[in-house]
């Protein structure tokens, strides 16, 4: 079953919202300290406090890149895989390879975002059988926005 371009694009925007949120949280928690000061974290609560602050910062920079570059390259990947074969499993492999190739632009940082984007998109294809609406797609934008505002509120309250 061939999905329309509009449905595919809305799915990609939803995937971008999921990938932006997951990337910002995971990279803030597991990524390197941007200031190189490993001695600052004395306890789990200190690390959590720093990770929440980094989540907000990473999201400000990652969101535009994922929404612009990620969506465009993911659409290109899907169109190429559709044109290459009609076998679903082979499309998935071709799309995965293209996502990884496009994700290598900034090495492991963008590769993590590309893998998360691909996983979110694949899971939406597998488990979401209803068509996407504009309201549903616009509502997905609230996920990264809510996380960003929650981090901002935490930083202002906790200092």
N, C-alpha and C. Protein backbone atom coordinates (compact mmCIF):
# COMPACT_ATOMS: atom_id res chain seq x y z
N UNK A 1 0.85 -1.18 0.00
CA UNK A 1 0.00 0.00 0.00
C UNK A 1 0.89 1.24 0.00
N UNK A 2 0.68 2.09 -0.99
CA UNK A 2 1.47 3.31 -1.13
C UNK A 2 0.83 4.43 -0.32
N UNK A 3 1.62 5.09 0.50
CA UNK A 3 1.14 6.18 1.34
C UNK A 3 1.35 7.49 0.58
N UNK A 4 0.38 8.39 0.72
CA UNK A 4 0.49 9.67 0.02
C UNK A 4 1.64 10.50 0.60
N UNK A 5 2.11 11.44 -0.21
CA UNK A 5 3.22 12.30 0.23
C UNK A 5 2.81 13.11 1.46
N UNK A 6 1.58 13.58 1.49
CA UNK A 6 1.09 14.38 2.62
C UNK A 6 1.13 13.56 3.91
N UNK A 7 0.66 12.32 3.85
CA UNK A 7 0.67 11.46 5.03
C UNK A 7 2.11 11.16 5.47
N UNK A 8 2.97 10.90 4.50
CA UNK A 8 4.36 10.62 4.81
C UNK A 8 5.02 11.84 5.47
N UNK A 9 4.76 13.03 4.93
CA UNK A 9 5.36 14.24 5.47
C UNK A 9 4.87 14.51 6.90
N UNK A 10 3.59 14.30 7.14
CA UNK A 10 3.07 14.50 8.50
C UNK A 10 3.70 13.48 9.46
N UNK A 11 3.88 12.24 9.00
CA UNK A 11 4.53 11.22 9.83
C UNK A 11 5.98 11.63 10.13
N UNK A 12 6.66 12.21 9.16
CA UNK A 12 8.04 12.64 9.37
C UNK A 12 8.11 13.78 10.40
N UNK A 13 7.15 14.68 10.37
CA UNK A 13 7.12 15.76 11.37
C UNK A 13 6.88 15.21 12.78
N UNK A 14 6.02 14.21 12.88
CA UNK A 14 5.79 13.58 14.18
C UNK A 14 7.04 12.85 14.64
N UNK A 15 7.71 12.18 13.72
CA UNK A 15 8.96 11.49 14.04
C UNK A 15 10.02 12.49 14.49
N UNK A 16 10.04 13.66 13.86
CA UNK A 16 11.00 14.70 14.25
C UNK A 16 10.74 15.17 15.68
N UNK A 17 9.49 15.29 16.06
CA UNK A 17 9.16 15.70 17.43
C UNK A 17 9.66 14.66 18.43
N UNK A 18 9.44 13.40 18.11
CA UNK A 18 9.89 12.33 19.00
C UNK A 18 11.41 12.28 19.05
N UNK A 19 12.06 12.35 17.89
CA UNK A 19 13.52 12.28 17.82
C UNK A 19 14.17 13.47 18.52
N UNK A 20 13.62 14.65 18.36
CA UNK A 20 14.16 15.84 19.02
C UNK A 20 14.12 15.67 20.53
N UNK A 21 13.00 15.21 21.04
CA UNK A 21 12.84 15.03 22.48
C UNK A 21 13.79 13.97 23.01
N UNK A 22 13.81 12.82 22.36
CA UNK A 22 14.68 11.73 22.82
C UNK A 22 16.16 12.09 22.69
N UNK A 23 16.54 12.70 21.58
CA UNK A 23 17.93 13.07 21.38
C UNK A 23 18.40 14.04 22.46
N UNK A 24 17.61 15.06 22.71
CA UNK A 24 18.02 16.08 23.69
C UNK A 24 18.18 15.49 25.09
N UNK A 25 17.25 14.63 25.47
CA UNK A 25 17.32 14.02 26.79
C UNK A 25 18.49 13.03 26.88
N UNK A 26 18.61 12.15 25.89
CA UNK A 26 19.67 11.13 25.93
C UNK A 26 21.06 11.75 25.82
N UNK A 27 21.22 12.72 24.94
CA UNK A 27 22.54 13.32 24.78
C UNK A 27 22.91 14.17 26.01
N UNK A 28 21.93 14.79 26.62
CA UNK A 28 22.21 15.57 27.83
C UNK A 28 22.61 14.64 28.98
N UNK A 29 22.03 13.47 29.04
CA UNK A 29 22.32 12.56 30.14
C UNK A 29 23.61 11.76 29.89
N UNK A 30 23.76 11.22 28.67
CA UNK A 30 24.88 10.33 28.39
C UNK A 30 26.01 10.96 27.60
N UNK A 31 25.78 12.12 27.02
CA UNK A 31 26.80 12.76 26.20
C UNK A 31 27.91 13.36 27.03
N UNK A 32 28.95 13.79 26.36
CA UNK A 32 30.08 14.39 27.09
C UNK A 32 29.68 15.74 27.69
N UNK A 33 30.37 16.10 28.75
CA UNK A 33 30.16 17.40 29.37
C UNK A 33 30.70 18.47 28.43
N UNK A 34 29.85 19.40 27.99
CA UNK A 34 30.33 20.40 27.03
C UNK A 34 31.40 21.33 27.58
N UNK A 35 31.50 21.38 28.90
CA UNK A 35 32.50 22.26 29.51
C UNK A 35 33.72 21.48 30.01
N UNK A 36 33.68 20.16 29.85
CA UNK A 36 34.83 19.32 30.18
C UNK A 36 35.16 19.21 31.64
N UNK A 37 34.24 19.57 32.53
CA UNK A 37 34.48 19.54 33.96
C UNK A 37 33.81 18.32 34.57
N UNK A 38 34.51 17.21 34.62
CA UNK A 38 33.94 15.96 35.14
C UNK A 38 33.84 15.95 36.66
N UNK A 39 34.60 16.78 37.33
CA UNK A 39 34.62 16.79 38.79
C UNK A 39 33.42 17.52 39.38
N UNK A 40 32.60 18.14 38.55
CA UNK A 40 31.47 18.92 39.07
C UNK A 40 30.34 18.05 39.59
N UNK A 41 30.25 16.81 39.15
CA UNK A 41 29.11 15.97 39.50
C UNK A 41 29.46 15.08 40.69
N UNK A 42 28.94 15.46 41.83
CA UNK A 42 29.23 14.71 43.04
C UNK A 42 28.16 13.69 43.35
N UNK A 43 26.96 13.89 42.88
CA UNK A 43 25.88 12.97 43.19
C UNK A 43 24.94 12.85 42.00
N UNK A 44 24.02 11.92 42.10
CA UNK A 44 23.04 11.72 41.04
C UNK A 44 22.15 12.95 40.89
N UNK A 45 21.81 13.60 41.98
CA UNK A 45 20.97 14.80 41.90
C UNK A 45 21.69 15.94 41.20
N UNK A 46 23.01 16.06 41.44
CA UNK A 46 23.79 17.08 40.72
C UNK A 46 23.82 16.78 39.23
N UNK A 47 24.01 15.51 38.90
CA UNK A 47 24.05 15.11 37.48
C UNK A 47 22.69 15.35 36.83
N UNK A 48 21.63 15.03 37.53
CA UNK A 48 20.28 15.26 37.00
C UNK A 48 20.03 16.74 36.77
N UNK A 49 20.44 17.56 37.71
CA UNK A 49 20.27 19.01 37.58
C UNK A 49 21.01 19.53 36.34
N UNK A 50 22.24 19.09 36.14
CA UNK A 50 23.02 19.50 34.98
C UNK A 50 22.40 18.97 33.69
N UNK A 51 21.93 17.73 33.70
CA UNK A 51 21.34 17.13 32.50
C UNK A 51 20.06 17.86 32.09
N UNK A 52 19.29 18.30 33.04
CA UNK A 52 18.07 19.05 32.71
C UNK A 52 18.43 20.38 32.04
N UNK A 53 19.44 21.03 32.55
CA UNK A 53 19.90 22.27 31.92
C UNK A 53 20.44 22.04 30.52
N UNK A 54 21.21 20.97 30.34
CA UNK A 54 21.75 20.65 29.02
C UNK A 54 20.65 20.24 28.04
N UNK A 55 19.63 19.57 28.55
CA UNK A 55 18.51 19.17 27.68
C UNK A 55 17.90 20.38 27.01
N UNK A 56 17.70 21.41 27.77
CA UNK A 56 17.11 22.63 27.24
C UNK A 56 18.03 23.25 26.18
N UNK A 57 19.32 23.29 26.45
CA UNK A 57 20.27 23.87 25.50
C UNK A 57 20.37 23.03 24.24
N UNK A 58 20.50 21.71 24.40
CA UNK A 58 20.62 20.84 23.23
C UNK A 58 19.36 20.89 22.37
N UNK A 59 18.21 21.01 23.01
CA UNK A 59 16.97 21.06 22.25
C UNK A 59 16.89 22.33 21.40
N UNK A 60 17.41 23.44 21.92
CA UNK A 60 17.38 24.68 21.14
C UNK A 60 18.18 24.55 19.85
N UNK A 61 19.26 23.79 19.89
CA UNK A 61 20.10 23.64 18.71
C UNK A 61 19.71 22.43 17.86
N UNK A 62 19.27 21.38 18.50
CA UNK A 62 18.94 20.15 17.76
C UNK A 62 17.60 20.25 17.04
N UNK A 63 16.64 20.92 17.63
CA UNK A 63 15.30 20.96 17.03
C UNK A 63 15.30 21.53 15.61
N UNK A 64 15.90 22.69 15.36
CA UNK A 64 15.90 23.18 13.98
C UNK A 64 16.62 22.24 13.01
N UNK A 65 17.72 21.65 13.45
CA UNK A 65 18.46 20.73 12.58
C UNK A 65 17.64 19.48 12.27
N UNK A 66 17.00 18.93 13.28
CA UNK A 66 16.21 17.71 13.07
C UNK A 66 14.97 18.02 12.24
N UNK A 67 14.31 19.14 12.53
CA UNK A 67 13.10 19.47 11.77
C UNK A 67 13.40 19.85 10.32
N UNK A 68 14.52 20.46 10.06
CA UNK A 68 14.82 20.87 8.68
C UNK A 68 15.62 19.77 7.97
N UNK A 69 16.84 19.55 8.42
CA UNK A 69 17.71 18.57 7.76
C UNK A 69 17.17 17.15 7.91
N UNK A 70 16.74 16.79 9.11
CA UNK A 70 16.27 15.43 9.36
C UNK A 70 15.03 15.07 8.57
N UNK A 71 14.06 15.96 8.53
CA UNK A 71 12.83 15.67 7.78
C UNK A 71 13.12 15.59 6.28
N UNK A 72 13.90 16.53 5.77
CA UNK A 72 14.21 16.53 4.33
C UNK A 72 14.95 15.25 3.94
N UNK A 73 15.99 14.90 4.69
CA UNK A 73 16.75 13.71 4.33
C UNK A 73 15.96 12.43 4.56
N UNK A 74 15.08 12.42 5.53
CA UNK A 74 14.25 11.24 5.74
C UNK A 74 13.24 11.06 4.61
N UNK A 75 12.68 12.16 4.14
CA UNK A 75 11.77 12.09 2.99
C UNK A 75 12.53 11.58 1.76
N UNK A 76 13.73 12.11 1.54
CA UNK A 76 14.56 11.67 0.42
C UNK A 76 14.86 10.18 0.56
N UNK A 77 15.22 9.74 1.76
CA UNK A 77 15.51 8.33 2.00
C UNK A 77 14.32 7.44 1.68
N UNK A 78 13.16 7.87 2.11
CA UNK A 78 11.96 7.06 1.86
C UNK A 78 11.60 7.04 0.38
N UNK A 79 11.72 8.18 -0.30
CA UNK A 79 11.41 8.21 -1.73
C UNK A 79 12.39 7.35 -2.53
N UNK A 80 13.66 7.38 -2.16
CA UNK A 80 14.65 6.54 -2.85
C UNK A 80 14.36 5.06 -2.58
N UNK A 81 14.05 4.71 -1.36
CA UNK A 81 13.77 3.30 -1.05
C UNK A 81 12.49 2.83 -1.73
N UNK A 82 11.50 3.70 -1.85
CA UNK A 82 10.27 3.35 -2.58
C UNK A 82 10.56 3.10 -4.06
N UNK A 83 11.41 3.96 -4.63
CA UNK A 83 11.74 3.82 -6.05
C UNK A 83 12.61 2.60 -6.31
N UNK A 84 13.42 2.21 -5.34
CA UNK A 84 14.37 1.12 -5.54
C UNK A 84 13.71 -0.25 -5.56
N UNK A 85 12.73 -0.47 -4.72
CA UNK A 85 12.14 -1.80 -4.61
C UNK A 85 10.71 -1.73 -4.08
N UNK A 86 9.99 -2.81 -4.30
CA UNK A 86 8.63 -2.90 -3.77
C UNK A 86 8.57 -3.80 -2.54
N UNK A 87 9.69 -4.46 -2.20
CA UNK A 87 9.73 -5.32 -1.01
C UNK A 87 9.89 -4.49 0.24
N UNK A 88 8.99 -4.70 1.18
CA UNK A 88 8.96 -3.87 2.39
C UNK A 88 10.25 -3.99 3.20
N UNK A 89 10.75 -5.20 3.39
CA UNK A 89 11.95 -5.39 4.21
C UNK A 89 13.18 -4.77 3.55
N UNK A 90 13.24 -4.82 2.22
CA UNK A 90 14.37 -4.22 1.51
C UNK A 90 14.29 -2.69 1.55
N UNK A 91 13.07 -2.16 1.49
CA UNK A 91 12.88 -0.71 1.66
C UNK A 91 13.40 -0.26 3.01
N UNK A 92 13.11 -1.05 4.03
CA UNK A 92 13.55 -0.73 5.38
C UNK A 92 15.07 -0.71 5.48
N UNK A 93 15.72 -1.68 4.86
CA UNK A 93 17.18 -1.75 4.87
C UNK A 93 17.78 -0.57 4.11
N UNK A 94 17.25 -0.27 2.93
CA UNK A 94 17.76 0.86 2.14
C UNK A 94 17.56 2.17 2.90
N UNK A 95 16.39 2.34 3.49
CA UNK A 95 16.11 3.55 4.25
C UNK A 95 17.03 3.66 5.46
N UNK A 96 17.30 2.55 6.14
CA UNK A 96 18.20 2.57 7.30
C UNK A 96 19.61 2.98 6.88
N UNK A 97 20.08 2.42 5.77
CA UNK A 97 21.42 2.77 5.29
C UNK A 97 21.50 4.25 4.92
N UNK A 98 20.46 4.75 4.27
CA UNK A 98 20.46 6.17 3.88
C UNK A 98 20.36 7.08 5.10
N UNK A 99 19.57 6.69 6.10
CA UNK A 99 19.48 7.48 7.32
C UNK A 99 20.85 7.54 8.01
N UNK A 100 21.54 6.41 8.05
CA UNK A 100 22.87 6.39 8.67
C UNK A 100 23.84 7.24 7.87
N UNK A 101 23.78 7.13 6.55
CA UNK A 101 24.68 7.92 5.70
C UNK A 101 24.43 9.42 5.88
N UNK A 102 23.16 9.82 5.85
CA UNK A 102 22.85 11.23 6.06
C UNK A 102 23.17 11.67 7.49
N UNK A 103 23.08 10.73 8.43
CA UNK A 103 23.33 11.05 9.83
C UNK A 103 24.79 11.21 10.18
N UNK A 104 25.67 10.85 9.27
CA UNK A 104 27.11 10.96 9.55
C UNK A 104 27.67 12.35 9.32
N UNK A 105 26.83 13.33 9.04
CA UNK A 105 27.30 14.69 8.75
C UNK A 105 28.09 15.28 9.92
N UNK A 106 27.67 15.02 11.14
CA UNK A 106 28.40 15.50 12.32
C UNK A 106 28.88 14.32 13.17
N UNK A 107 29.16 13.23 12.52
CA UNK A 107 29.63 12.00 13.15
C UNK A 107 28.64 11.48 14.18
N UNK A 108 29.11 11.13 15.38
CA UNK A 108 28.25 10.42 16.32
C UNK A 108 27.09 11.27 16.85
N UNK A 109 27.22 12.57 16.88
CA UNK A 109 26.14 13.42 17.41
C UNK A 109 24.93 13.34 16.48
N UNK A 110 25.15 13.60 15.21
CA UNK A 110 24.02 13.56 14.27
C UNK A 110 23.62 12.13 13.96
N UNK A 111 24.53 11.19 14.11
CA UNK A 111 24.18 9.78 13.88
C UNK A 111 23.17 9.31 14.92
N UNK A 112 23.35 9.74 16.16
CA UNK A 112 22.37 9.40 17.21
C UNK A 112 21.00 9.97 16.86
N UNK A 113 20.96 11.21 16.42
CA UNK A 113 19.69 11.82 16.04
C UNK A 113 19.07 11.09 14.86
N UNK A 114 19.88 10.70 13.86
CA UNK A 114 19.36 10.00 12.69
C UNK A 114 18.80 8.62 13.05
N UNK A 115 19.49 7.92 13.93
CA UNK A 115 19.01 6.59 14.35
C UNK A 115 17.70 6.73 15.14
N UNK A 116 17.63 7.71 16.03
CA UNK A 116 16.39 7.93 16.78
C UNK A 116 15.25 8.33 15.85
N UNK A 117 15.53 9.17 14.87
CA UNK A 117 14.53 9.58 13.89
C UNK A 117 14.04 8.36 13.11
N UNK A 118 14.97 7.53 12.64
CA UNK A 118 14.61 6.33 11.87
C UNK A 118 13.77 5.37 12.72
N UNK A 119 14.17 5.17 13.98
CA UNK A 119 13.42 4.27 14.85
C UNK A 119 12.01 4.80 15.12
N UNK A 120 11.89 6.09 15.39
CA UNK A 120 10.56 6.67 15.64
C UNK A 120 9.68 6.55 14.40
N UNK A 121 10.25 6.83 13.24
CA UNK A 121 9.49 6.76 11.99
C UNK A 121 9.07 5.32 11.70
N UNK A 122 9.97 4.38 11.89
CA UNK A 122 9.66 2.97 11.64
C UNK A 122 8.58 2.47 12.60
N UNK A 123 8.69 2.84 13.85
CA UNK A 123 7.66 2.42 14.81
C UNK A 123 6.30 3.04 14.50
N UNK A 124 6.29 4.27 14.03
CA UNK A 124 5.02 4.88 13.63
C UNK A 124 4.42 4.14 12.43
N UNK A 125 5.25 3.73 11.49
CA UNK A 125 4.76 2.98 10.33
C UNK A 125 4.19 1.64 10.78
N UNK A 126 4.88 0.97 11.70
CA UNK A 126 4.45 -0.36 12.12
C UNK A 126 3.20 -0.35 13.00
N UNK A 127 3.11 0.60 13.91
CA UNK A 127 2.05 0.54 14.91
C UNK A 127 0.91 1.53 14.73
N UNK A 128 1.09 2.54 13.95
CA UNK A 128 0.02 3.53 13.74
C UNK A 128 -0.62 3.25 12.39
N UNK A 129 -1.82 2.69 12.40
CA UNK A 129 -2.49 2.31 11.15
C UNK A 129 -3.48 3.36 10.67
N UNK A 130 -3.84 4.31 11.54
CA UNK A 130 -4.77 5.37 11.13
C UNK A 130 -4.01 6.42 10.34
N UNK A 131 -4.76 7.19 9.57
CA UNK A 131 -4.11 8.28 8.82
C UNK A 131 -3.86 9.45 9.78
N UNK A 132 -2.88 10.26 9.43
CA UNK A 132 -2.49 11.39 10.26
C UNK A 132 -3.30 12.61 9.85
N UNK A 133 -3.69 13.40 10.86
CA UNK A 133 -4.41 14.63 10.59
C UNK A 133 -3.49 15.81 10.89
N UNK A 134 -3.87 16.96 10.39
CA UNK A 134 -3.09 18.17 10.65
C UNK A 134 -3.08 18.46 12.15
N UNK A 135 -4.21 18.28 12.82
CA UNK A 135 -4.29 18.53 14.27
C UNK A 135 -3.34 17.61 15.03
N UNK A 136 -3.30 16.35 14.65
CA UNK A 136 -2.42 15.37 15.31
C UNK A 136 -0.96 15.75 15.08
N UNK A 137 -0.64 16.17 13.87
CA UNK A 137 0.73 16.55 13.55
C UNK A 137 1.14 17.81 14.31
N UNK A 138 0.26 18.81 14.35
CA UNK A 138 0.57 20.03 15.09
C UNK A 138 0.65 19.77 16.59
N UNK A 139 -0.18 18.85 17.09
CA UNK A 139 -0.13 18.51 18.51
C UNK A 139 1.20 17.84 18.86
N UNK A 140 1.81 17.14 17.91
CA UNK A 140 3.10 16.49 18.19
C UNK A 140 4.19 17.52 18.46
N UNK A 141 4.02 18.73 17.95
CA UNK A 141 4.99 19.79 18.21
C UNK A 141 5.02 20.18 19.69
N UNK A 142 3.95 19.84 20.40
CA UNK A 142 3.88 20.17 21.82
C UNK A 142 4.83 19.33 22.66
N UNK A 143 5.23 18.14 22.16
CA UNK A 143 6.12 17.28 22.94
C UNK A 143 7.47 17.96 23.22
N UNK A 144 8.23 18.36 22.19
CA UNK A 144 9.50 19.03 22.52
C UNK A 144 9.30 20.38 23.20
N UNK A 145 8.24 21.09 22.84
CA UNK A 145 7.98 22.38 23.48
C UNK A 145 7.70 22.21 24.96
N UNK A 146 6.91 21.20 25.32
CA UNK A 146 6.59 20.94 26.72
C UNK A 146 7.83 20.54 27.50
N UNK A 147 8.66 19.70 26.90
CA UNK A 147 9.90 19.29 27.58
C UNK A 147 10.80 20.50 27.79
N UNK A 148 10.91 21.34 26.78
CA UNK A 148 11.76 22.53 26.89
C UNK A 148 11.24 23.47 27.98
N UNK A 149 9.93 23.69 28.00
CA UNK A 149 9.35 24.58 29.02
C UNK A 149 9.48 23.98 30.41
N UNK A 150 9.34 22.65 30.53
CA UNK A 150 9.51 22.00 31.83
C UNK A 150 10.95 22.16 32.32
N UNK A 151 11.91 22.01 31.43
CA UNK A 151 13.32 22.20 31.80
C UNK A 151 13.57 23.65 32.20
N UNK A 152 13.00 24.57 31.46
CA UNK A 152 13.16 26.00 31.78
C UNK A 152 12.56 26.31 33.15
N UNK A 153 11.37 25.78 33.41
CA UNK A 153 10.74 26.00 34.71
C UNK A 153 11.58 25.41 35.83
N UNK A 154 12.11 24.21 35.62
CA UNK A 154 12.95 23.58 36.64
C UNK A 154 14.18 24.42 36.93
N UNK A 155 14.83 24.90 35.89
CA UNK A 155 16.04 25.70 36.07
C UNK A 155 15.72 26.99 36.82
N UNK A 156 14.60 27.62 36.52
CA UNK A 156 14.23 28.86 37.21
C UNK A 156 13.84 28.61 38.67
N UNK A 157 13.19 27.50 38.91
CA UNK A 157 12.76 27.20 40.28
C UNK A 157 13.93 26.72 41.13
N UNK A 158 14.73 25.81 40.59
CA UNK A 158 15.81 25.19 41.37
C UNK A 158 17.12 25.99 41.32
N UNK A 159 17.23 26.86 40.34
CA UNK A 159 18.42 27.70 40.28
C UNK A 159 19.60 27.11 39.57
